[in-house]
Protein backbone atom coordinates (compact mmCIF):
# COMPACT_ATOMS: atom_id res chain seq x y z
CA MET A 1 0.00 0.00 0.00
CA THR A 2 2.96 2.32 -0.05
CA GLY A 3 3.36 4.92 -2.70
CA THR A 4 -0.32 5.35 -3.37
CA GLY A 5 -3.07 7.68 -2.31
CA SER A 6 -5.51 6.27 0.20
CA SER A 7 -8.87 5.25 -1.17
CA LYS A 8 -12.36 5.11 0.20
CA VAL A 9 -13.70 2.87 -2.51
CA SER A 10 -12.37 -0.50 -1.31
CA ARG A 11 -14.70 -0.78 1.68
CA LYS A 12 -16.42 -4.07 2.39
CA LEU A 13 -19.93 -3.52 1.17
CA PHE A 14 -21.92 -6.66 1.46
CA CYS A 15 -22.90 -9.63 3.54
CA SER A 16 -23.65 -12.09 0.78
CA LYS A 17 -24.83 -15.63 0.38
CA ASN A 18 -23.87 -15.54 -3.26
CA LYS A 19 -20.27 -14.43 -2.73
CA ALA A 20 -19.36 -15.59 -6.23
CA LEU A 21 -21.48 -12.72 -7.53
CA LEU A 22 -20.11 -9.94 -5.38
CA ILE A 23 -16.46 -10.67 -4.64
CA PRO A 24 -15.16 -10.43 -8.23
CA ALA A 25 -16.89 -7.08 -8.72
CA ILE A 26 -15.51 -5.71 -5.47
CA ILE A 27 -11.99 -6.97 -6.21
CA LEU A 28 -12.02 -5.46 -9.68
CA PHE A 29 -13.30 -2.18 -8.28
CA ALA A 30 -10.60 -2.08 -5.62
CA VAL A 31 -7.82 -3.01 -8.06
CA PHE A 32 -8.98 -0.33 -10.49
CA ALA A 33 -8.94 2.28 -7.74
CA PHE A 34 -5.52 1.10 -6.51
CA LEU A 35 -3.98 1.30 -9.94
CA SER A 36 -5.51 4.69 -10.59
CA HIS A 37 -3.82 6.04 -7.48
CA ASP A 38 -0.47 4.79 -8.64
CA ALA A 39 -0.91 6.49 -11.99
CA LYS A 40 0.01 10.17 -12.35
CA ALA A 41 -1.50 13.63 -12.29
CA GLU A 42 -0.87 17.33 -12.28
CA GLY A 43 -2.95 20.45 -12.40
CA GLU A 44 -3.30 23.27 -14.84
CA GLN A 45 -0.97 26.01 -13.63
CA GLY A 46 -2.99 29.05 -12.61
CA HIS A 47 -6.01 26.88 -11.76
CA ILE A 48 -4.33 24.62 -9.22
CA ARG A 49 -3.14 25.99 -5.93
CA TRP A 50 -0.22 23.82 -4.91
CA LEU A 51 0.87 22.95 -1.43
CA MET A 52 3.89 21.31 -3.08
CA GLU A 53 4.39 21.15 -6.82
CA PRO A 54 5.11 17.71 -8.30
CA GLU A 55 8.56 16.52 -7.28
CA PHE A 56 8.04 13.13 -5.62
CA GLU A 57 8.15 9.65 -7.12
CA SER A 58 4.95 8.70 -5.31
CA ALA A 59 2.96 9.63 -2.23
CA ALA A 60 -0.08 8.85 -0.08
CA ASP A 61 -2.92 11.15 0.96
CA PHE A 62 -2.78 13.07 4.23
CA THR A 63 -3.70 11.35 7.48
CA GLU A 64 -3.37 12.91 10.90
CA GLY A 65 -1.57 15.93 9.48
CA PHE A 66 1.14 14.03 7.59
CA ALA A 67 1.55 12.60 4.10
CA MET A 68 3.98 9.91 3.07
CA ILE A 69 6.25 10.75 0.12
CA LYS A 70 8.88 8.88 -1.88
CA LYS A 71 12.06 10.56 -3.10
CA ASN A 72 15.22 8.97 -4.48
CA GLY A 73 13.80 5.54 -3.77
CA LYS A 74 13.19 6.20 -0.07
CA TYR A 75 10.09 7.14 1.93
CA GLY A 76 9.60 10.07 4.29
CA TYR A 77 6.82 12.44 5.36
CA ILE A 78 5.67 16.02 4.81
CA ASN A 79 3.41 18.12 7.02
CA ARG A 80 0.43 20.33 6.18
CA GLU A 81 2.73 23.29 5.59
CA GLY A 82 4.42 21.40 2.75
CA LYS A 83 7.68 20.86 4.62
CA ILE A 84 9.59 17.60 4.65
CA ILE A 85 9.70 16.91 8.37
CA ILE A 86 10.86 13.28 8.26
CA GLU A 87 13.59 12.84 5.67
CA PRO A 88 13.11 10.01 3.16
CA ARG A 89 15.18 7.15 4.55
CA PHE A 90 12.81 4.18 4.79
CA ASP A 91 12.49 1.34 2.30
CA ILE A 92 8.75 0.93 3.00
CA ALA A 93 6.42 3.25 4.89
CA HIS A 94 2.74 3.53 5.78
CA PRO A 95 0.49 6.45 6.74
CA PHE A 96 0.27 7.56 10.36
CA LYS A 97 -2.38 6.08 12.61
CA GLU A 98 -2.82 7.22 16.20
CA GLY A 99 0.38 9.21 15.88
CA MET A 100 2.52 6.25 14.81
CA ALA A 101 3.57 4.97 11.38
CA LYS A 102 4.78 1.55 10.29
CA VAL A 103 8.16 1.60 8.52
CA PHE A 104 10.64 -0.93 7.19
CA GLU A 105 14.41 -0.63 6.81
CA LYS A 106 16.66 -3.30 5.35
CA ASN A 107 18.64 -5.10 8.05
CA LYS A 108 16.42 -3.49 10.71
CA GLY A 109 13.07 -5.06 9.92
CA TRP A 110 9.70 -3.53 10.68
CA GLY A 111 9.21 -0.85 13.27
CA PHE A 112 7.26 2.22 14.31
CA ILE A 113 8.16 5.88 14.16
CA ASN A 114 6.47 8.75 15.97
CA THR A 115 5.61 12.11 14.43
CA SER A 116 9.13 13.43 15.06
CA GLY A 117 10.56 10.57 12.99
CA LYS A 118 12.09 8.77 15.97
CA VAL A 119 12.13 4.99 15.68
CA VAL A 120 10.56 3.75 18.90
CA ILE A 121 10.88 0.05 18.12
CA ASN A 122 12.25 -2.08 15.25
CA ASN A 123 13.63 -5.53 14.43
CA LEU A 124 10.11 -6.92 14.24
CA SER A 125 8.96 -9.40 11.60
CA TYR A 126 5.28 -8.41 11.77
CA ILE A 127 3.42 -5.32 13.00
CA ALA A 128 -0.17 -4.10 12.76
CA ASP A 129 -1.52 -0.57 13.05
CA PHE A 130 -2.14 0.91 16.47
CA SER A 131 -5.66 0.60 17.82
CA GLU A 132 -6.57 2.36 21.05
CA GLY A 133 -2.93 2.92 21.97
CA LEU A 134 -1.57 -0.60 21.34
CA ALA A 135 -0.30 -2.49 18.29
CA THR A 136 -0.01 -6.23 17.60
CA VAL A 137 3.54 -7.43 16.86
CA CYS A 138 5.44 -10.63 16.22
CA THR A 139 9.20 -10.89 16.73
CA ASP A 140 9.74 -14.11 14.79
CA LEU A 141 7.09 -14.55 12.11
CA GLN A 142 7.00 -18.00 10.52
CA TRP A 143 5.21 -18.11 7.19
CA THR A 144 3.66 -21.49 8.02
CA GLY A 145 1.75 -19.62 10.72
CA PHE A 146 1.38 -22.62 13.06
CA ASN A 147 3.79 -21.51 15.78
CA ASN A 148 3.52 -17.74 15.54
CA ARG A 149 2.90 -15.94 18.81
CA TYR A 150 1.72 -12.36 19.05
CA GLY A 151 1.93 -9.65 21.68
CA MET A 152 1.27 -5.90 21.80
CA VAL A 153 3.49 -2.86 22.21
CA ASP A 154 2.62 0.62 23.43
CA LYS A 155 3.73 3.87 21.82
CA SER A 156 7.01 3.88 23.74
CA GLY A 157 7.89 0.53 22.15
CA GLN A 158 7.44 -1.47 25.34
CA LEU A 159 5.99 -4.97 25.02
CA VAL A 160 3.05 -4.54 27.40
CA ILE A 161 1.20 -7.73 26.41
CA PRO A 162 3.50 -10.76 26.16
CA ALA A 163 3.88 -12.53 22.81
CA GLU A 164 1.98 -15.64 23.88
CA PHE A 165 -1.22 -15.45 21.83
CA GLU A 166 -2.07 -17.20 18.58
CA SER A 167 -4.01 -14.16 17.38
CA ILE A 168 -4.70 -10.59 18.59
CA PRO A 169 -6.76 -8.70 15.97
CA GLY A 170 -6.63 -5.39 17.85
CA PHE A 171 -8.65 -3.34 20.31
CA SER A 172 -12.11 -1.92 19.81
CA GLU A 173 -14.25 -0.45 22.58
CA GLY A 174 -11.60 -1.31 25.16
CA LEU A 175 -11.27 -5.03 24.43
CA SER A 176 -9.54 -7.20 21.82
CA PRO A 177 -10.28 -10.73 20.63
CA ALA A 178 -7.36 -13.05 21.43
CA ALA A 179 -6.73 -16.75 20.87
CA LYS A 180 -5.00 -19.38 22.99
CA ASN A 181 -5.04 -23.13 22.46
CA GLY A 182 -7.32 -22.70 19.46
CA LYS A 183 -10.08 -20.81 21.33
CA TYR A 184 -10.94 -17.11 21.29
CA GLY A 185 -11.80 -14.84 24.19
CA TYR A 186 -11.31 -11.15 24.93
CA ILE A 187 -8.41 -9.48 26.70
CA ASP A 188 -8.00 -6.07 28.32
CA LYS A 189 -4.99 -3.82 27.84
CA THR A 190 -2.95 -5.74 30.39
CA GLY A 191 -3.33 -8.94 28.37
CA ARG A 192 -5.66 -10.51 30.92
CA PHE A 193 -8.63 -12.50 29.65
CA VAL A 194 -11.77 -10.74 30.85
CA ILE A 195 -13.99 -12.98 28.72
CA GLU A 196 -12.70 -16.54 28.81
CA PRO A 197 -11.47 -18.16 25.58
CA LYS A 198 -14.30 -20.49 24.63
CA PHE A 199 -15.28 -19.36 21.15
CA GLU A 200 -14.34 -20.90 17.82
CA LYS A 201 -14.12 -17.37 16.40
CA ALA A 202 -14.55 -13.91 17.86
CA TYR A 203 -14.75 -10.51 16.24
CA LYS A 204 -14.16 -6.97 17.44
CA PHE A 205 -16.81 -5.17 19.42
CA SER A 206 -19.05 -2.88 17.40
CA GLU A 207 -21.70 -0.68 18.98
CA GLY A 208 -21.39 -2.51 22.31
CA LEU A 209 -21.79 -6.06 20.96
CA ALA A 210 -19.36 -8.60 19.52
CA LEU A 211 -20.05 -11.38 17.04
CA VAL A 212 -18.89 -14.85 18.20
CA ARG A 213 -19.14 -18.41 16.92
CA ILE A 214 -19.84 -21.60 18.90
CA ASN A 215 -20.44 -25.01 17.28
CA GLY A 216 -20.54 -23.40 13.87
CA LEU A 217 -23.31 -20.93 14.77
CA TYR A 218 -23.10 -17.18 15.35
CA GLY A 219 -24.49 -14.97 18.09
CA TYR A 220 -23.61 -11.83 20.02
CA ILE A 221 -22.16 -11.09 23.45
CA ASN A 222 -21.82 -7.89 25.47
CA ARG A 223 -18.69 -6.51 27.15
CA GLU A 224 -19.33 -8.64 30.24
CA GLY A 225 -19.25 -11.78 28.09
CA LYS A 226 -22.96 -12.41 28.49
CA THR A 227 -24.77 -13.87 25.48
CA VAL A 228 -27.40 -11.29 24.55
CA ILE A 229 -28.38 -12.81 21.20
CA GLU A 230 -28.32 -16.59 21.08
CA THR A 231 -25.74 -18.35 18.89
CA LYS A 232 -28.19 -19.74 16.36
CA PHE A 233 -27.35 -18.09 13.04
CA LYS A 234 -25.51 -19.90 10.27
CA GLU A 235 -24.07 -16.60 9.13
CA ALA A 236 -24.13 -13.17 10.73
CA TYR A 237 -22.31 -9.84 10.66
CA SER A 238 -21.36 -7.02 13.02
CA PHE A 239 -23.78 -4.28 14.01
CA SER A 240 -23.85 -1.00 12.11
CA GLU A 241 -26.19 1.85 12.99
CA GLY A 242 -28.09 -0.43 15.37
CA LEU A 243 -28.77 -3.25 12.90
CA ALA A 244 -26.98 -6.43 11.86
CA TRP A 245 -27.54 -8.59 8.80
CA ILE A 246 -28.00 -12.35 9.26
CA LEU A 247 -28.44 -15.33 6.98
CA ASP A 248 -32.00 -15.74 5.75
CA TYR A 249 -31.56 -12.13 4.62
CA ALA A 250 -33.01 -10.26 7.53
CA TYR A 251 -31.76 -7.44 9.72
CA ILE A 252 -31.99 -7.84 13.48
CA ASN A 253 -31.86 -5.23 16.24
CA LYS A 254 -29.78 -5.46 19.41
CA GLN A 255 -32.47 -7.52 21.10
CA GLY A 256 -32.12 -10.12 18.35
CA ASN A 257 -35.54 -9.39 16.85
CA PRO A 258 -35.91 -9.32 13.05
CA VAL A 259 -36.87 -5.78 12.05
CA ILE A 260 -36.39 -6.05 8.29
CA LYS A 261 -37.22 -9.18 6.35
CA THR A 262 -35.74 -9.31 2.88
CA ALA A 263 -35.44 -11.67 -0.05
CA PHE A 264 -32.27 -10.30 -1.61
CA GLU A 265 -29.21 -12.03 -2.99
CA SER A 266 -27.09 -9.86 -0.71
CA SER A 267 -27.46 -6.95 1.67
CA GLY A 268 -24.99 -4.37 2.95
CA TYR A 269 -24.23 -2.58 6.18
CA PHE A 270 -26.32 0.46 6.98
CA THR A 271 -24.48 3.72 6.38
CA GLU A 272 -26.10 7.13 6.60
CA GLY A 273 -29.42 5.43 7.37
CA VAL A 274 -29.66 3.28 4.23
CA ALA A 275 -28.31 -0.04 2.96
CA ILE A 276 -27.48 -1.39 -0.48
CA PHE A 277 -28.90 -4.72 -1.64
CA THR A 278 -28.79 -6.79 -4.82
CA LYS A 279 -31.50 -8.70 -6.63
CA ASN A 280 -31.16 -10.32 -10.04
CA ASN A 281 -27.62 -8.95 -10.22
CA LYS A 282 -28.87 -5.36 -9.85
CA TYR A 283 -28.31 -2.91 -7.01
CA GLY A 284 -30.90 -0.95 -5.03
CA ILE A 285 -31.39 0.76 -1.64
CA ILE A 286 -33.60 0.12 1.38
CA SER A 287 -34.26 2.33 4.41
CA ARG A 288 -33.89 1.37 8.08
CA ASN A 289 -37.55 0.40 8.24
CA GLY A 290 -37.16 -1.86 5.21
CA ASN A 291 -38.91 0.41 2.71
CA LEU A 292 -37.67 0.30 -0.85
CA ILE A 293 -36.01 3.62 -1.67
CA VAL A 294 -34.35 2.72 -4.95
CA LYS A 295 -35.40 -0.24 -7.05
CA PRO A 296 -32.62 -2.64 -8.06
CA VAL A 297 -31.79 -1.14 -11.44
CA PHE A 298 -28.09 -0.26 -11.21
CA GLU A 299 -25.14 -2.35 -12.35
CA TYR A 300 -23.11 -1.36 -9.27
CA MET A 301 -23.30 0.94 -6.26
CA LEU A 302 -21.17 2.18 -3.39
CA PRO A 303 -22.46 3.24 0.05
CA PHE A 304 -23.41 6.87 0.56
CA ALA A 305 -20.73 9.41 1.39
CA GLU A 306 -21.56 13.06 2.05
CA GLY A 307 -25.15 12.44 0.98
CA LEU A 308 -24.44 10.96 -2.47
CA ALA A 309 -23.74 7.43 -3.69
CA VAL A 310 -21.75 6.26 -6.70
CA ILE A 311 -23.81 4.27 -9.20
CA LYS A 312 -23.03 2.46 -12.45
CA GLN A 313 -25.53 2.43 -15.30
CA ASN A 314 -24.96 1.43 -18.91
CA ASN A 315 -21.29 0.96 -18.09
CA ARG A 316 -20.94 4.61 -17.01
CA TRP A 317 -20.65 6.06 -13.51
CA GLY A 318 -22.66 8.82 -11.84
CA TYR A 319 -24.32 9.73 -8.52
CA ILE A 320 -27.71 9.52 -6.82
CA ASP A 321 -29.17 11.09 -3.67
CA LYS A 322 -31.00 9.25 -0.88
CA LYS A 323 -34.32 9.62 -2.67
CA GLY A 324 -32.93 7.74 -5.64
CA ASN A 325 -32.71 10.82 -7.86
CA ILE A 326 -29.81 10.86 -10.30
CA THR A 327 -28.12 14.10 -9.31
CA ILE A 328 -25.05 13.68 -11.53
CA LYS A 329 -25.65 11.78 -14.76
CA PRO A 330 -23.64 8.60 -15.33
CA VAL A 331 -21.24 9.86 -17.98
CA PHE A 332 -17.88 8.97 -16.39
CA GLU A 333 -15.60 6.03 -17.10
CA PHE A 334 -15.05 5.68 -13.37
CA ALA A 335 -16.06 7.55 -10.21
CA THR A 336 -15.26 7.52 -6.50
CA ASP A 337 -16.86 8.73 -3.27
CA PHE A 338 -17.19 12.39 -2.40
CA SER A 339 -14.70 13.62 0.16
CA GLU A 340 -14.53 17.21 1.38
CA GLY A 341 -17.07 18.22 -1.24
CA LEU A 342 -15.25 16.78 -4.26
CA ALA A 343 -15.19 13.43 -6.05
CA LYS A 344 -12.57 11.94 -8.35
CA VAL A 345 -13.88 10.94 -11.79
CA GLN A 346 -12.37 9.74 -15.03
CA ILE A 347 -13.01 10.87 -18.60
CA ASN A 348 -10.97 9.76 -21.61
CA GLY A 349 -8.52 8.06 -19.30
CA LYS A 350 -7.80 11.26 -17.35
CA TRP A 351 -8.74 12.16 -13.79
CA GLY A 352 -10.34 15.28 -12.42
CA PHE A 353 -12.58 16.37 -9.54
CA ILE A 354 -16.22 17.42 -9.63
CA ASP A 355 -18.37 19.16 -7.03
CA LYS A 356 -21.86 18.04 -6.02
CA THR A 357 -23.44 19.86 -8.95
CA GLY A 358 -21.29 17.82 -11.35
CA LYS A 359 -19.14 20.80 -12.29
CA PHE A 360 -15.41 20.21 -12.70
CA GLN A 361 -13.42 22.06 -10.05
CA ILE A 362 -10.22 20.36 -11.20
CA LYS A 363 -10.26 19.55 -14.89
CA PRO A 364 -9.77 15.93 -16.04
CA GLU A 365 -6.21 16.41 -17.20
CA TYR A 366 -4.37 14.09 -14.85
CA ASP A 367 -3.10 10.56 -15.17
CA GLY A 368 -3.99 9.74 -11.57
CA ALA A 369 -4.91 11.28 -8.23
CA GLY A 370 -5.67 10.53 -4.62
CA ILE A 371 -8.71 11.44 -2.56
CA PHE A 372 -9.12 14.78 -0.80
CA SER A 373 -8.12 14.47 2.84
CA GLU A 374 -7.43 17.25 5.31
CA ARG A 375 -7.84 19.84 2.50
CA PHE A 376 -5.21 18.32 0.19
CA VAL A 377 -4.97 15.77 -2.59
CA LEU A 378 -2.05 14.15 -4.36
CA LEU A 379 -1.84 14.70 -8.13
CA LYS A 380 0.54 12.89 -10.47
CA LYS A 381 1.94 13.43 -13.92
CA GLU A 382 5.04 12.36 -15.78
CA GLY A 383 6.23 10.25 -12.88
CA LYS A 384 6.10 13.05 -10.33
CA THR A 385 3.63 13.68 -7.52
CA GLY A 386 2.59 16.89 -5.83
CA PHE A 387 -0.13 18.04 -3.43
CA ALA A 388 -2.92 20.44 -4.39
CA VAL A 389 -5.22 22.45 -2.12
CA ASN A 390 -8.99 21.98 -2.15
CA PRO A 391 -10.34 24.78 -4.39
CA LEU A 392 -13.75 24.91 -2.70
CA PRO A 393 -14.58 27.55 -0.09
CA ALA A 394 -14.19 26.19 3.44
CA GLU A 395 -17.95 26.23 4.13
CA ILE A 396 -18.59 24.03 1.08
CA GLN A 397 -15.77 21.65 1.96
CA THR A 398 -17.38 20.99 5.33
CA GLN A 399 -20.90 20.43 4.00
CA GLY A 400 -22.09 16.88 4.51
CA ARG A 401 -20.21 16.26 7.74
CA ASP A 402 -23.49 15.45 9.48
CA ASN A 403 -23.95 12.78 6.84
CA ALA A 404 -20.38 11.53 6.72
CA GLY A 405 -20.45 10.90 10.48
CA MET A 406 -23.38 11.04 12.87
CA LEU A 407 -23.59 14.24 14.91
CA ILE A 408 -22.96 13.18 18.51
CA GLY A 409 -22.97 16.46 20.43
CA THR A 410 -20.76 19.44 21.20
CA VAL A 411 -17.58 20.14 23.14
CA LYS A 412 -18.51 21.24 26.66
CA SER A 413 -15.07 21.75 28.18
CA VAL A 414 -11.38 21.07 27.62
CA SER A 415 -8.98 20.41 30.48
CA GLY A 416 -5.54 19.03 29.77
CA ASN A 417 -5.94 15.93 27.61
CA GLU A 418 -9.54 15.40 28.78
CA ILE A 419 -12.37 16.70 26.62
CA ILE A 420 -15.99 16.63 27.77
CA VAL A 421 -18.61 16.11 25.05
CA THR A 422 -22.32 16.54 25.75
CA GLY A 423 -25.37 15.43 23.75
CA LYS A 424 -28.93 14.21 24.15
CA ASN A 425 -28.36 10.48 23.55
CA ILE A 426 -24.70 9.85 24.31
CA ALA A 427 -25.38 6.54 26.09
CA GLU A 428 -27.25 5.17 23.05
CA GLN A 429 -24.81 6.43 20.44
CA VAL A 430 -21.36 6.09 21.99
CA CYS A 431 -19.49 3.15 23.51
CA MET A 432 -16.20 3.24 25.36
CA GLY A 433 -13.36 3.30 22.85
CA ASP A 434 -15.44 4.78 20.01
CA LYS A 435 -13.62 7.27 17.81
CA LEU A 436 -15.16 10.74 17.52
CA CYS A 437 -13.93 13.78 15.66
CA VAL A 438 -14.01 17.57 15.76
CA TYR A 439 -13.44 19.97 12.88
CA SER A 440 -11.67 23.13 13.96
CA GLY A 441 -11.64 25.23 10.82
CA ASP A 442 -10.09 22.87 8.29
CA LYS A 443 -8.29 20.80 10.92
CA LEU A 444 -9.50 17.31 11.78
CA ILE A 445 -9.09 16.33 15.44
CA VAL A 446 -9.73 12.74 16.51
CA LEU A 447 -10.97 11.82 19.99
CA CYS A 448 -11.51 8.54 21.82
CA ALA A 449 -14.54 8.17 24.11
CA SER A 450 -13.22 6.98 27.47
CA PHE A 451 -16.26 7.17 29.77
CA PRO A 452 -19.67 7.59 28.08
CA MET A 453 -22.71 8.32 30.28
CA MET A 454 -26.31 9.33 29.64
CA THR A 455 -25.79 12.80 28.17
CA MET A 456 -22.00 13.24 28.22
CA THR A 457 -18.76 11.41 27.64
CA LYS A 458 -15.19 12.01 28.63
CA CYS A 459 -12.83 11.84 25.68
CA GLU A 460 -9.09 11.63 25.24
CA LEU A 461 -7.16 13.34 22.45
CA VAL A 462 -5.92 10.86 19.83
CA THR A 463 -4.58 13.16 17.11
CA GLY A 464 -4.49 16.89 16.56
CA GLU A 465 -3.74 19.84 18.81
CA ARG A 466 -5.64 20.37 22.06
CA ASN A 467 -5.41 24.14 21.61
CA ASP A 468 -7.47 23.84 18.41
CA ILE A 469 -10.44 22.38 20.31
CA LYS A 470 -12.91 25.07 21.32
CA THR A 471 -16.09 24.76 23.35
CA SER A 472 -19.36 24.51 21.39
CA LEU A 473 -17.68 22.84 18.38
CA ASN A 474 -19.75 20.02 16.90
CA VAL A 475 -18.54 16.49 17.61
CA TYR A 476 -19.18 13.71 15.07
CA ARG A 477 -18.66 9.99 14.90
CA TYR A 478 -15.32 9.43 13.23
CA LYS A 479 -15.00 7.83 9.79
CA LYS A 480 -16.85 4.57 9.48
CA ILE A 481 -14.61 1.75 10.63
CA GLN A 482 -14.33 -1.01 8.07
CA LYS A 483 -16.35 -3.91 9.33
CA GLU A 484 -15.16 -7.44 9.76
CA LYS A 485 -17.01 -10.54 8.74
């Protein structure tokens, strides 16, 4: 994944009985997007405002205030001022996550660097991204996989959970699945099992519940390990926006009651209050109450982002709104999600960016591009990559944030690293460990809910500057986490 712009198009979309139908389409879509990012692009001088003009061999989009760049065969990082702050010296590098980035150096193996470029740990054979302050590592990875043992390090590089587990997928909502002796349970951040390992398979917590498997059947447990929805489903998926899809093509609520009965070939996770389904190889949309919003007439669809969804019709790509109206006609060879008010589209093999009226804000003159993130986007042409600034006014860039992430509440107070967020239904909407975010001007600040109560939650700062957080700022649910299973 190094050397390319990050993409929002390769999300897992469906829970499908007929996986043979969906998986090839999704793979092709993801490969297309991946290759397009590793193509090239530039802007028309005088119409593109550059943060940094094209000079790099490749790059990735901004995350947490930094963008990975490649120069003279090595990887480093720039900041939002366009300055190289970590000199290119790594053989492989990944974007920052929770203030840490995975890097690889020959003869030193895999390791992590912090935002100052300091290597806090290396000589590892396997590392995963940080989740809630810890990262899964393996010091002696064997490709057979049978004898591998995993532990977790903190951001200082200390091994805080011993490498004695067969699997540690990572933390969510304060707990992580972990396997010993072929059985899964859940551990806390000391490595202690708080839910005993008795499951054949266990998945990360989502919206307060975790999907588990016993005797080949799926059900759901809460954070205390109590079974709240009986393990009786042949196939089931994690909760999203209060609903989970199960085999027999129905959605259940958190009490395990079917609330939507369907007869589709496949159904997707709910995002922005709607879900995609397929019938007779065509794509449509249903609402949370099961009403048909869009009949299955499209050749392909992506979930909604910023109020619009990508659709494919007659082998061309366009956009619809949540009422099913085609707002941007399908005239493009390819199209991606909207991000910060703009979407990447392709015409005649070239990439450009349109706004939500379908008007080109960046003309389709580029061989490749990333996705707008934190106001910037990578553009490539003739083997060189640069970073352009979002041409939209700030108020237009921020439109759709209520859609892109549920509005949770507002910032009540800030004291040290503790931020208090208040809202009407905090207890129903937020679980411990959930990621929230605040937009201060054009700066994205990520928070972690540490103690949610009825109408407020304490939060800890994950990324961004505390001084940028002001009282009364809106607080949203952070980007949708890619679901497992």
